[in-house]
């Protein structure tokens, strides 16, 4: 039996989707490739989705990275897209570098913001539409961040959820039913 790949995740304390959705996705991969994965989380306190709360949450990232370093993860994912994007142009690269340094430079780091940009580029898409659970001002920051990365957002819908706890209860098949 091969050793499991350890995936470290830094998530908001109120996020209930990462530890439920990612194992399902990776289990599908495991069925095809035979690779196994384990998931290890560190949490940053956050329930209110406001610029101030997101900045305070981001300040906890290095602590979380240091905690996950003890688990010797193979990769680290910073899983709060809007928190990174709210920091302005290039924030995902800065966050990845800062967290990588907290891990001693031995572990690759990806942010959800960086992963989204990479995925859009891998699809050769230049124009996208999005539905965001955030209040309109934060959705506007996401749109601006993508524009800075050369991605044009044709349309953006804000669900106007300012408490992060209900976000995990949104039905991805019917997100506007919130």
N, C-alpha and C. Protein backbone atom coordinates (compact mmCIF):
# COMPACT_ATOMS: atom_id res chain seq x y z
N UNK A 1 0.84 -1.17 0.00
CA UNK A 1 0.00 0.00 0.00
C UNK A 1 0.89 1.24 0.00
N UNK A 2 0.55 2.22 -0.85
CA UNK A 2 1.33 3.45 -0.92
C UNK A 2 0.97 4.38 0.22
N UNK A 3 1.93 5.20 0.58
CA UNK A 3 1.68 6.19 1.63
C UNK A 3 0.67 7.22 1.14
N UNK A 4 -0.11 7.73 2.07
CA UNK A 4 -1.10 8.74 1.72
C UNK A 4 -0.42 10.09 1.53
N UNK A 5 -0.93 10.86 0.59
CA UNK A 5 -0.48 12.24 0.39
C UNK A 5 -1.21 13.09 1.43
N UNK A 6 -0.46 13.87 2.18
CA UNK A 6 -1.04 14.70 3.23
C UNK A 6 -1.32 16.09 2.67
N UNK A 7 -2.58 16.50 2.78
CA UNK A 7 -3.00 17.81 2.31
C UNK A 7 -3.36 18.65 3.53
N UNK A 8 -2.62 19.74 3.72
CA UNK A 8 -2.90 20.66 4.81
C UNK A 8 -3.82 21.77 4.31
N UNK A 9 -4.78 22.14 5.13
CA UNK A 9 -5.74 23.18 4.75
C UNK A 9 -5.85 24.21 5.87
N UNK A 10 -5.72 25.46 5.48
CA UNK A 10 -5.99 26.56 6.40
C UNK A 10 -7.35 27.10 6.02
N UNK A 11 -8.30 27.01 6.95
CA UNK A 11 -9.68 27.37 6.64
C UNK A 11 -10.25 28.30 7.72
N UNK A 12 -11.23 29.11 7.32
CA UNK A 12 -11.94 29.90 8.33
C UNK A 12 -12.64 28.98 9.32
N UNK A 13 -12.74 29.40 10.55
CA UNK A 13 -13.35 28.56 11.59
C UNK A 13 -14.79 28.21 11.26
N UNK A 14 -15.47 29.05 10.53
CA UNK A 14 -16.87 28.83 10.20
C UNK A 14 -17.06 28.07 8.88
N UNK A 15 -15.98 27.71 8.21
CA UNK A 15 -16.07 26.98 6.94
C UNK A 15 -16.32 25.51 7.22
N UNK A 16 -17.42 24.99 6.71
CA UNK A 16 -17.75 23.58 6.92
C UNK A 16 -17.71 22.78 5.61
N UNK A 17 -17.23 23.40 4.55
CA UNK A 17 -17.27 22.73 3.25
C UNK A 17 -15.97 22.03 2.88
N UNK A 18 -14.84 22.55 3.27
CA UNK A 18 -13.57 22.00 2.80
C UNK A 18 -13.37 20.55 3.24
N UNK A 19 -13.60 20.26 4.50
CA UNK A 19 -13.37 18.90 4.99
C UNK A 19 -14.45 17.92 4.55
N UNK A 20 -15.53 18.41 3.98
CA UNK A 20 -16.56 17.50 3.48
C UNK A 20 -16.47 17.34 1.96
N UNK A 21 -16.24 18.42 1.23
CA UNK A 21 -16.23 18.35 -0.23
C UNK A 21 -14.92 17.81 -0.79
N UNK A 22 -13.79 18.25 -0.26
CA UNK A 22 -12.51 17.81 -0.83
C UNK A 22 -12.27 16.31 -0.69
N UNK A 23 -12.55 15.69 0.46
CA UNK A 23 -12.34 14.24 0.52
C UNK A 23 -13.16 13.48 -0.52
N UNK A 24 -14.36 13.95 -0.82
CA UNK A 24 -15.18 13.30 -1.83
C UNK A 24 -14.52 13.41 -3.21
N UNK A 25 -14.04 14.63 -3.53
CA UNK A 25 -13.37 14.82 -4.82
C UNK A 25 -12.11 13.97 -4.93
N UNK A 26 -11.32 13.95 -3.88
CA UNK A 26 -10.08 13.18 -3.91
C UNK A 26 -10.34 11.67 -3.88
N UNK A 27 -11.43 11.25 -3.28
CA UNK A 27 -11.78 9.82 -3.29
C UNK A 27 -12.05 9.35 -4.71
N UNK A 28 -12.67 10.22 -5.51
CA UNK A 28 -12.89 9.88 -6.92
C UNK A 28 -11.55 9.68 -7.62
N UNK A 29 -10.61 10.56 -7.33
CA UNK A 29 -9.27 10.44 -7.92
C UNK A 29 -8.60 9.16 -7.45
N UNK A 30 -8.77 8.84 -6.17
CA UNK A 30 -8.16 7.63 -5.60
C UNK A 30 -8.67 6.38 -6.30
N UNK A 31 -9.95 6.37 -6.63
CA UNK A 31 -10.53 5.20 -7.29
C UNK A 31 -9.89 4.96 -8.65
N UNK A 32 -9.45 6.02 -9.31
CA UNK A 32 -8.83 5.91 -10.63
C UNK A 32 -7.33 5.67 -10.53
N UNK A 33 -6.67 6.40 -9.65
CA UNK A 33 -5.20 6.37 -9.59
C UNK A 33 -4.64 5.44 -8.53
N UNK A 34 -5.43 5.09 -7.56
CA UNK A 34 -4.94 4.29 -6.45
C UNK A 34 -4.21 5.11 -5.40
N UNK A 35 -4.09 6.41 -5.62
CA UNK A 35 -3.44 7.28 -4.62
C UNK A 35 -4.39 7.54 -3.47
N UNK A 36 -3.81 7.67 -2.28
CA UNK A 36 -4.60 7.97 -1.09
C UNK A 36 -4.25 9.35 -0.57
N UNK A 37 -5.21 9.98 0.09
CA UNK A 37 -5.03 11.33 0.60
C UNK A 37 -5.58 11.42 2.01
N UNK A 38 -4.90 12.21 2.85
CA UNK A 38 -5.44 12.56 4.16
C UNK A 38 -5.49 14.07 4.24
N UNK A 39 -6.37 14.57 5.07
CA UNK A 39 -6.61 16.01 5.16
C UNK A 39 -6.37 16.47 6.59
N UNK A 40 -5.65 17.58 6.72
CA UNK A 40 -5.24 18.10 8.02
C UNK A 40 -5.54 19.59 8.02
N UNK A 41 -6.35 20.05 8.97
CA UNK A 41 -6.81 21.43 8.97
C UNK A 41 -6.31 22.21 10.17
N UNK A 42 -6.10 23.49 9.92
CA UNK A 42 -5.90 24.47 10.98
C UNK A 42 -6.90 25.58 10.70
N UNK A 43 -7.44 26.14 11.74
CA UNK A 43 -8.53 27.10 11.56
C UNK A 43 -8.16 28.50 12.04
N UNK A 44 -8.68 29.47 11.27
CA UNK A 44 -8.55 30.88 11.62
C UNK A 44 -9.94 31.36 12.02
N UNK A 45 -10.04 32.05 13.15
CA UNK A 45 -11.35 32.52 13.62
C UNK A 45 -11.95 33.52 12.64
N UNK A 46 -13.20 33.26 12.23
CA UNK A 46 -13.93 34.19 11.36
C UNK A 46 -15.35 33.69 11.17
N UNK A 47 -16.31 34.57 11.44
CA UNK A 47 -17.70 34.26 11.12
C UNK A 47 -18.31 35.37 10.26
N UNK A 48 -17.89 36.60 10.48
CA UNK A 48 -18.43 37.74 9.74
C UNK A 48 -17.59 37.99 8.50
N UNK A 49 -18.24 38.08 7.35
CA UNK A 49 -17.52 38.30 6.10
C UNK A 49 -17.52 39.79 5.78
N UNK A 50 -16.61 40.49 6.45
CA UNK A 50 -16.39 41.92 6.24
C UNK A 50 -14.91 42.13 5.97
N UNK A 51 -14.55 43.23 5.34
CA UNK A 51 -13.11 43.47 5.10
C UNK A 51 -12.28 43.41 6.38
N UNK A 52 -12.81 43.96 7.46
CA UNK A 52 -12.07 43.98 8.73
C UNK A 52 -11.90 42.57 9.29
N UNK A 53 -12.96 41.79 9.26
CA UNK A 53 -12.89 40.42 9.79
C UNK A 53 -11.98 39.55 8.92
N UNK A 54 -12.01 39.77 7.61
CA UNK A 54 -11.15 39.00 6.71
C UNK A 54 -9.68 39.34 6.95
N UNK A 55 -9.37 40.62 7.15
CA UNK A 55 -7.98 41.02 7.43
C UNK A 55 -7.51 40.42 8.75
N UNK A 56 -8.37 40.44 9.77
CA UNK A 56 -8.01 39.85 11.07
C UNK A 56 -7.79 38.34 10.91
N UNK A 57 -8.59 37.70 10.10
CA UNK A 57 -8.44 36.27 9.87
C UNK A 57 -7.11 36.00 9.16
N UNK A 58 -6.81 36.77 8.12
CA UNK A 58 -5.56 36.58 7.38
C UNK A 58 -4.34 36.67 8.30
N UNK A 59 -4.44 37.50 9.32
CA UNK A 59 -3.31 37.66 10.26
C UNK A 59 -3.02 36.37 11.03
N UNK A 60 -3.93 35.41 11.00
CA UNK A 60 -3.74 34.14 11.70
C UNK A 60 -3.12 33.06 10.81
N UNK A 61 -2.91 33.37 9.54
CA UNK A 61 -2.43 32.37 8.60
C UNK A 61 -1.08 31.77 8.93
N UNK A 62 -0.13 32.59 9.35
CA UNK A 62 1.21 32.07 9.66
C UNK A 62 1.17 31.11 10.85
N UNK A 63 0.34 31.43 11.85
CA UNK A 63 0.19 30.52 12.99
C UNK A 63 -0.33 29.17 12.50
N UNK A 64 -1.33 29.21 11.66
CA UNK A 64 -1.91 27.96 11.14
C UNK A 64 -0.90 27.18 10.31
N UNK A 65 -0.11 27.88 9.50
CA UNK A 65 0.91 27.19 8.69
C UNK A 65 1.93 26.51 9.60
N UNK A 66 2.33 27.20 10.66
CA UNK A 66 3.29 26.61 11.58
C UNK A 66 2.72 25.36 12.25
N UNK A 67 1.42 25.39 12.59
CA UNK A 67 0.78 24.22 13.18
C UNK A 67 0.76 23.06 12.19
N UNK A 68 0.45 23.34 10.94
CA UNK A 68 0.39 22.28 9.93
C UNK A 68 1.77 21.76 9.56
N UNK A 69 2.80 22.57 9.77
CA UNK A 69 4.17 22.10 9.51
C UNK A 69 4.48 20.88 10.37
N UNK A 70 3.91 20.83 11.56
CA UNK A 70 4.13 19.68 12.44
C UNK A 70 3.58 18.38 11.84
N UNK A 71 2.56 18.48 11.00
CA UNK A 71 1.96 17.30 10.37
C UNK A 71 2.72 16.88 9.11
N UNK A 72 3.74 17.65 8.74
CA UNK A 72 4.57 17.35 7.56
C UNK A 72 3.72 17.07 6.33
N UNK A 73 2.84 18.02 6.03
CA UNK A 73 1.96 17.90 4.87
C UNK A 73 2.78 18.02 3.58
N UNK A 74 2.26 17.41 2.52
CA UNK A 74 2.91 17.47 1.22
C UNK A 74 2.58 18.75 0.47
N UNK A 75 1.46 19.35 0.80
CA UNK A 75 1.02 20.59 0.17
C UNK A 75 0.12 21.31 1.16
N UNK A 76 0.06 22.63 1.05
CA UNK A 76 -0.79 23.43 1.93
C UNK A 76 -1.72 24.27 1.07
N UNK A 77 -3.01 24.25 1.39
CA UNK A 77 -4.00 25.07 0.69
C UNK A 77 -4.58 26.09 1.67
N UNK A 78 -4.56 27.35 1.25
CA UNK A 78 -5.19 28.43 2.02
C UNK A 78 -6.56 28.63 1.42
N UNK A 79 -7.61 28.26 2.13
CA UNK A 79 -8.93 28.14 1.55
C UNK A 79 -9.89 29.25 1.98
N UNK A 80 -9.59 30.46 1.58
CA UNK A 80 -10.55 31.55 1.73
C UNK A 80 -10.29 32.55 0.62
N UNK A 81 -10.98 32.36 -0.48
CA UNK A 81 -10.77 33.15 -1.69
C UNK A 81 -10.91 34.64 -1.45
N UNK A 82 -12.03 35.06 -0.87
CA UNK A 82 -12.28 36.49 -0.75
C UNK A 82 -11.32 37.16 0.24
N UNK A 83 -10.88 36.44 1.26
CA UNK A 83 -9.95 37.03 2.22
C UNK A 83 -8.65 37.43 1.53
N UNK A 84 -8.19 36.60 0.63
CA UNK A 84 -6.96 36.92 -0.10
C UNK A 84 -7.23 38.01 -1.11
N UNK A 85 -8.28 37.86 -1.90
CA UNK A 85 -8.57 38.84 -2.94
C UNK A 85 -8.86 40.23 -2.39
N UNK A 86 -9.42 40.31 -1.18
CA UNK A 86 -9.70 41.60 -0.55
C UNK A 86 -8.43 42.38 -0.23
N UNK A 87 -7.28 41.68 -0.21
CA UNK A 87 -6.00 42.32 0.09
C UNK A 87 -5.41 43.05 -1.13
N UNK A 88 -6.03 42.91 -2.30
CA UNK A 88 -5.60 43.65 -3.48
C UNK A 88 -4.68 42.87 -4.41
N UNK A 89 -4.36 43.52 -5.50
CA UNK A 89 -3.59 42.92 -6.60
C UNK A 89 -2.37 42.14 -6.11
N UNK A 90 -2.23 40.91 -6.61
CA UNK A 90 -1.07 40.08 -6.30
C UNK A 90 -1.08 39.46 -4.91
N UNK A 91 -2.18 39.60 -4.19
CA UNK A 91 -2.21 39.12 -2.80
C UNK A 91 -2.02 37.61 -2.71
N UNK A 92 -2.48 36.86 -3.69
CA UNK A 92 -2.31 35.41 -3.58
C UNK A 92 -0.84 35.02 -3.65
N UNK A 93 -0.05 35.73 -4.45
CA UNK A 93 1.39 35.43 -4.50
C UNK A 93 2.06 35.80 -3.18
N UNK A 94 1.68 36.94 -2.61
CA UNK A 94 2.26 37.35 -1.33
C UNK A 94 1.88 36.36 -0.23
N UNK A 95 0.61 35.93 -0.20
CA UNK A 95 0.16 34.99 0.82
C UNK A 95 0.88 33.66 0.67
N UNK A 96 1.01 33.18 -0.56
CA UNK A 96 1.70 31.91 -0.79
C UNK A 96 3.16 31.99 -0.35
N UNK A 97 3.81 33.11 -0.61
CA UNK A 97 5.21 33.28 -0.20
C UNK A 97 5.33 33.35 1.32
N UNK A 98 4.45 34.09 1.97
CA UNK A 98 4.49 34.24 3.42
C UNK A 98 4.24 32.90 4.11
N UNK A 99 3.23 32.19 3.65
CA UNK A 99 2.91 30.89 4.26
C UNK A 99 4.00 29.87 3.96
N UNK A 100 4.56 29.93 2.76
CA UNK A 100 5.67 29.04 2.42
C UNK A 100 6.86 29.26 3.34
N UNK A 101 7.15 30.53 3.64
CA UNK A 101 8.25 30.84 4.55
C UNK A 101 7.95 30.32 5.95
N UNK A 102 6.68 30.42 6.38
CA UNK A 102 6.31 29.89 7.71
C UNK A 102 6.49 28.38 7.78
N UNK A 103 6.46 27.73 6.62
CA UNK A 103 6.67 26.28 6.54
C UNK A 103 8.13 25.94 6.30
N UNK A 104 8.98 26.93 6.33
CA UNK A 104 10.41 26.70 6.11
C UNK A 104 10.78 26.49 4.65
N UNK A 105 9.87 26.85 3.74
CA UNK A 105 10.15 26.74 2.31
C UNK A 105 10.16 25.31 1.79
N UNK A 106 9.72 24.36 2.58
CA UNK A 106 9.77 22.94 2.18
C UNK A 106 8.47 22.43 1.58
N UNK A 107 7.39 23.18 1.70
CA UNK A 107 6.08 22.69 1.30
C UNK A 107 5.43 23.65 0.29
N UNK A 108 4.96 23.13 -0.84
CA UNK A 108 4.25 24.01 -1.78
C UNK A 108 2.96 24.53 -1.16
N UNK A 109 2.63 25.78 -1.49
CA UNK A 109 1.44 26.43 -0.95
C UNK A 109 0.62 26.97 -2.12
N UNK A 110 -0.69 26.78 -2.04
CA UNK A 110 -1.61 27.35 -3.02
C UNK A 110 -2.75 28.00 -2.25
N UNK A 111 -3.18 29.15 -2.73
CA UNK A 111 -4.38 29.78 -2.18
C UNK A 111 -5.54 29.48 -3.11
N UNK A 112 -6.75 29.55 -2.58
CA UNK A 112 -7.91 29.33 -3.44
C UNK A 112 -7.97 30.41 -4.52
N UNK A 113 -7.52 31.62 -4.20
CA UNK A 113 -7.49 32.70 -5.19
C UNK A 113 -6.52 32.35 -6.33
N UNK A 114 -5.34 31.89 -5.98
CA UNK A 114 -4.37 31.49 -7.00
C UNK A 114 -4.85 30.29 -7.79
N UNK A 115 -5.50 29.34 -7.12
CA UNK A 115 -6.01 28.15 -7.81
C UNK A 115 -7.10 28.53 -8.80
N UNK A 116 -7.97 29.47 -8.42
CA UNK A 116 -9.03 29.91 -9.33
C UNK A 116 -8.43 30.54 -10.58
N UNK A 117 -7.47 31.43 -10.40
CA UNK A 117 -6.83 32.07 -11.55
C UNK A 117 -6.13 31.04 -12.41
N UNK A 118 -5.40 30.12 -11.79
CA UNK A 118 -4.72 29.07 -12.55
C UNK A 118 -5.71 28.22 -13.34
N UNK A 119 -6.85 27.88 -12.73
CA UNK A 119 -7.85 27.04 -13.39
C UNK A 119 -8.48 27.77 -14.58
N UNK A 120 -8.79 29.04 -14.39
CA UNK A 120 -9.37 29.82 -15.50
C UNK A 120 -8.38 29.90 -16.65
N UNK A 121 -7.13 30.15 -16.33
CA UNK A 121 -6.10 30.21 -17.38
C UNK A 121 -5.91 28.85 -18.05
N UNK A 122 -5.95 27.75 -17.28
CA UNK A 122 -5.79 26.42 -17.85
C UNK A 122 -6.92 26.11 -18.84
N UNK A 123 -8.06 26.71 -18.63
CA UNK A 123 -9.19 26.54 -19.54
C UNK A 123 -9.11 27.50 -20.74
N UNK A 124 -8.09 28.34 -20.74
CA UNK A 124 -7.95 29.38 -21.76
C UNK A 124 -9.15 30.32 -21.81
N UNK A 125 -9.80 30.48 -20.68
CA UNK A 125 -10.95 31.39 -20.59
C UNK A 125 -10.45 32.80 -20.31
N UNK A 126 -11.00 33.75 -21.01
CA UNK A 126 -10.67 35.15 -20.77
C UNK A 126 -11.84 35.90 -20.17
N UNK A 127 -13.02 35.30 -20.29
CA UNK A 127 -14.24 35.92 -19.77
C UNK A 127 -14.99 34.88 -18.95
N UNK A 128 -15.48 35.31 -17.79
CA UNK A 128 -16.22 34.42 -16.90
C UNK A 128 -17.41 35.16 -16.31
N UNK A 129 -18.32 34.41 -15.75
CA UNK A 129 -19.41 34.96 -14.93
C UNK A 129 -19.30 34.26 -13.58
N UNK A 130 -19.77 34.91 -12.54
CA UNK A 130 -19.66 34.28 -11.23
C UNK A 130 -20.84 34.60 -10.34
N UNK A 131 -21.10 33.68 -9.44
CA UNK A 131 -22.05 33.87 -8.35
C UNK A 131 -21.22 33.79 -7.08
N UNK A 132 -21.31 34.82 -6.26
CA UNK A 132 -20.54 34.87 -5.02
C UNK A 132 -21.49 35.00 -3.83
N UNK A 133 -21.17 34.34 -2.73
CA UNK A 133 -22.04 34.47 -1.56
C UNK A 133 -21.89 35.82 -0.86
N UNK A 134 -20.92 36.61 -1.23
CA UNK A 134 -20.54 37.82 -0.51
C UNK A 134 -21.48 38.99 -0.73
N UNK A 135 -21.31 40.01 0.11
CA UNK A 135 -21.99 41.29 -0.09
C UNK A 135 -21.41 41.93 -1.35
N UNK A 136 -22.20 42.77 -2.03
CA UNK A 136 -21.74 43.36 -3.29
C UNK A 136 -20.36 44.03 -3.25
N UNK A 137 -19.99 44.77 -2.18
CA UNK A 137 -18.65 45.37 -2.19
C UNK A 137 -17.52 44.34 -2.22
N UNK A 138 -17.71 43.20 -1.55
CA UNK A 138 -16.68 42.16 -1.58
C UNK A 138 -16.68 41.42 -2.93
N UNK A 139 -17.85 41.22 -3.50
CA UNK A 139 -17.90 40.62 -4.84
C UNK A 139 -17.19 41.53 -5.83
N UNK A 140 -17.33 42.84 -5.67
CA UNK A 140 -16.64 43.79 -6.54
C UNK A 140 -15.12 43.64 -6.40
N UNK A 141 -14.64 43.34 -5.20
CA UNK A 141 -13.20 43.12 -5.01
C UNK A 141 -12.74 41.87 -5.76
N UNK A 142 -13.58 40.83 -5.77
CA UNK A 142 -13.26 39.60 -6.51
C UNK A 142 -13.19 39.91 -8.00
N UNK A 143 -14.17 40.67 -8.50
CA UNK A 143 -14.20 41.04 -9.91
C UNK A 143 -12.95 41.85 -10.27
N UNK A 144 -12.59 42.81 -9.43
CA UNK A 144 -11.40 43.63 -9.68
C UNK A 144 -10.13 42.79 -9.64
N UNK A 145 -10.07 41.85 -8.71
CA UNK A 145 -8.89 40.99 -8.60
C UNK A 145 -8.72 40.15 -9.87
N UNK A 146 -9.81 39.59 -10.33
CA UNK A 146 -9.75 38.81 -11.57
C UNK A 146 -9.37 39.70 -12.75
N UNK A 147 -9.90 40.91 -12.80
CA UNK A 147 -9.54 41.85 -13.87
C UNK A 147 -8.05 42.15 -13.85
N UNK A 148 -7.48 42.33 -12.65
CA UNK A 148 -6.03 42.56 -12.53
C UNK A 148 -5.23 41.38 -13.05
N UNK A 149 -5.84 40.19 -13.04
CA UNK A 149 -5.18 38.98 -13.54
C UNK A 149 -5.47 38.76 -15.03
N UNK A 150 -6.15 39.73 -15.65
CA UNK A 150 -6.43 39.64 -17.08
C UNK A 150 -7.67 38.83 -17.41
N UNK A 151 -8.54 38.63 -16.42
CA UNK A 151 -9.76 37.85 -16.62
C UNK A 151 -10.95 38.81 -16.53
N UNK A 152 -11.73 38.86 -17.59
CA UNK A 152 -12.89 39.76 -17.64
C UNK A 152 -14.12 39.05 -17.09
N UNK A 153 -14.76 39.65 -16.09
CA UNK A 153 -15.99 39.10 -15.52
C UNK A 153 -17.16 39.76 -16.24
N UNK A 154 -17.88 38.95 -17.03
CA UNK A 154 -19.02 39.46 -17.79
C UNK A 154 -20.20 39.81 -16.90
N UNK A 155 -20.40 39.00 -15.86
CA UNK A 155 -21.51 39.23 -14.94
C UNK A 155 -21.14 38.64 -13.59
N UNK A 156 -21.57 39.32 -12.54
CA UNK A 156 -21.33 38.85 -11.18
C UNK A 156 -22.59 39.05 -10.36
N UNK A 157 -23.01 37.99 -9.68
CA UNK A 157 -24.17 38.04 -8.82
C UNK A 157 -23.70 37.89 -7.38
N UNK A 158 -24.15 38.77 -6.51
CA UNK A 158 -23.83 38.71 -5.08
C UNK A 158 -25.04 38.18 -4.34
N UNK A 159 -24.84 37.13 -3.53
CA UNK A 159 -25.93 36.59 -2.72
C UNK A 159 -26.10 37.36 -1.42
N UNK A 160 -25.18 38.27 -1.12
CA UNK A 160 -25.27 39.18 0.02
C UNK A 160 -25.32 38.48 1.37
N UNK A 161 -24.49 37.45 1.53
CA UNK A 161 -24.39 36.74 2.80
C UNK A 161 -23.21 37.33 3.57
N UNK A 162 -23.47 37.91 4.72
CA UNK A 162 -22.38 38.52 5.49
C UNK A 162 -21.95 37.68 6.69
N UNK A 163 -22.69 36.62 6.96
CA UNK A 163 -22.34 35.67 8.03
C UNK A 163 -21.87 34.40 7.33
N UNK A 164 -20.63 33.99 7.57
CA UNK A 164 -20.05 32.86 6.84
C UNK A 164 -20.70 31.51 7.18
N UNK A 165 -21.34 31.41 8.32
CA UNK A 165 -21.91 30.11 8.72
C UNK A 165 -22.99 29.61 7.75
N UNK A 166 -23.89 30.45 7.25
CA UNK A 166 -24.89 29.94 6.30
C UNK A 166 -24.31 29.59 4.92
N UNK A 167 -23.13 30.06 4.61
CA UNK A 167 -22.54 29.78 3.30
C UNK A 167 -22.43 28.27 3.08
N UNK A 168 -22.05 27.54 4.10
CA UNK A 168 -21.92 26.09 3.99
C UNK A 168 -23.24 25.38 3.76
N UNK A 169 -24.34 26.08 3.98
CA UNK A 169 -25.66 25.49 3.76
C UNK A 169 -26.24 25.83 2.39
N UNK A 170 -25.51 26.64 1.62
CA UNK A 170 -26.00 26.96 0.28
C UNK A 170 -25.98 25.69 -0.58
N UNK A 171 -27.01 25.52 -1.36
CA UNK A 171 -27.09 24.37 -2.26
C UNK A 171 -26.38 24.76 -3.56
N UNK A 172 -25.26 24.12 -3.88
CA UNK A 172 -24.53 24.50 -5.09
C UNK A 172 -25.34 24.31 -6.37
N UNK A 173 -26.37 23.48 -6.31
CA UNK A 173 -27.21 23.29 -7.49
C UNK A 173 -28.24 24.40 -7.63
N UNK A 174 -28.54 25.09 -6.53
CA UNK A 174 -29.53 26.18 -6.53
C UNK A 174 -29.06 27.30 -5.60
N UNK A 175 -27.93 27.95 -5.90
CA UNK A 175 -27.36 28.91 -4.95
C UNK A 175 -28.24 30.13 -4.68
N UNK A 176 -29.07 30.50 -5.59
CA UNK A 176 -29.91 31.68 -5.38
C UNK A 176 -31.08 31.40 -4.47
N UNK A 177 -31.26 30.15 -4.06
CA UNK A 177 -32.38 29.78 -3.19
C UNK A 177 -32.11 30.12 -1.73
N UNK A 178 -31.01 30.78 -1.45
CA UNK A 178 -30.64 31.12 -0.07
C UNK A 178 -31.68 32.02 0.57
